[in-house]
Amino acid sequence: MPTLHLRNVPESVNDALAQSAKDRGISKNQRAIEVLERGLGLDHAARVELIERIRRNRPKIDPDIDIAALIREGRPGGDD
């Protein structure tokens, strides 16, 4: 696999990358690859697949349901 070295990376970018990697529990290198892929649009297929999985798996909503009644039921004193 090719190696990419970056020089003169602004401290703010480096810090943000490090924090983002830490938040996700991955290495800075892996996070940098993810950010580059996303920035270059190379993750498009993965995003499309994720959207399709969400659409397939989300519950169907009954179009005849009274949303306002459900909201009232969820409020304190709303079931009287």
Protein backbone atom coordinates (compact mmCIF):
# COMPACT_ATOMS: atom_id res chain seq x y z
CA MET A 1 0.00 0.00 0.00
CA PRO A 2 1.37 3.45 -0.84
CA THR A 3 2.50 5.80 1.91
CA LEU A 4 1.50 9.44 2.14
CA HIS A 5 3.44 11.91 4.27
CA LEU A 6 2.08 15.36 4.99
CA ARG A 7 4.18 18.35 6.00
CA ASN A 8 3.22 21.73 7.36
CA VAL A 9 -0.11 20.50 8.75
CA PRO A 10 -1.64 23.35 10.75
CA GLU A 11 -1.73 22.61 14.47
CA SER A 12 -5.49 23.16 14.56
CA VAL A 13 -6.00 20.52 11.86
CA ASN A 14 -3.70 18.07 13.61
CA ASP A 15 -5.47 18.63 16.94
CA ALA A 16 -8.92 18.23 15.39
CA LEU A 17 -7.83 15.05 13.63
CA ALA A 18 -6.35 13.62 16.83
CA GLN A 19 -9.51 14.44 18.81
CA SER A 20 -11.77 12.99 16.12
CA ALA A 21 -9.73 9.78 16.06
CA LYS A 22 -9.79 9.54 19.85
CA ASP A 23 -13.56 10.08 19.94
CA ARG A 24 -14.00 7.19 17.49
CA GLY A 25 -11.46 4.93 19.16
CA ILE A 26 -9.29 4.65 16.06
CA SER A 27 -5.81 5.76 15.07
CA LYS A 28 -5.11 9.20 13.66
CA ASN A 29 -3.92 7.48 10.49
CA GLN A 30 -7.21 5.61 10.05
CA ARG A 31 -9.22 8.78 10.72
CA ALA A 32 -7.13 10.72 8.19
CA ILE A 33 -7.87 8.04 5.57
CA GLU A 34 -11.61 8.25 6.36
CA VAL A 35 -11.55 12.05 6.09
CA LEU A 36 -9.67 11.92 2.79
CA GLU A 37 -12.04 9.31 1.36
CA ARG A 38 -15.05 11.36 2.36
CA GLY A 39 -13.56 14.60 1.08
CA LEU A 40 -12.76 13.00 -2.25
CA GLY A 41 -16.21 11.40 -2.51
CA LEU A 42 -14.75 7.89 -2.41
CA ASP A 43 -17.15 6.81 0.34
CA HIS A 44 -20.22 7.47 -1.81
CA ALA A 45 -21.05 3.78 -2.31
CA ALA A 46 -20.83 3.13 1.43
CA ARG A 47 -23.14 6.07 2.16
CA VAL A 48 -25.66 4.89 -0.44
CA GLU A 49 -25.63 1.38 1.06
CA LEU A 50 -26.13 2.79 4.58
CA ILE A 51 -29.09 4.88 3.44
CA GLU A 52 -30.63 1.86 1.73
CA ARG A 53 -30.19 -0.28 4.88
CA ILE A 54 -31.85 2.43 6.97
CA ARG A 55 -34.76 2.65 4.54
CA ARG A 56 -35.21 -1.14 4.50
CA ASN A 57 -35.05 -1.52 8.27
CA ARG A 58 -36.98 1.47 9.58
CA PRO A 59 -40.49 0.79 10.78
CA LYS A 60 -43.35 1.67 8.49
CA ILE A 61 -45.52 4.52 9.74
CA ASP A 62 -49.29 4.25 9.58
CA PRO A 63 -50.42 7.29 7.56
CA ASP A 64 -53.77 7.31 9.42
CA ILE A 65 -52.21 7.65 12.88
CA ASP A 66 -53.12 10.76 14.89
CA ILE A 67 -49.70 12.21 15.68
CA ALA A 68 -51.16 15.00 17.84
CA ALA A 69 -52.96 12.43 20.02
CA LEU A 70 -49.73 10.48 20.49
CA ILE A 71 -47.93 13.65 21.57
CA ARG A 72 -50.72 14.53 24.02
CA GLU A 73 -50.59 11.00 25.49
CA GLY A 74 -46.88 11.35 26.09
CA ARG A 75 -47.27 14.57 28.08
CA PRO A 76 -47.90 14.64 31.84
CA GLY A 77 -51.65 14.89 32.37
CA GLY A 78 -52.27 14.30 28.69
CA ASP A 79 -54.26 11.12 29.10
CA ASP A 80 -57.36 12.70 30.68
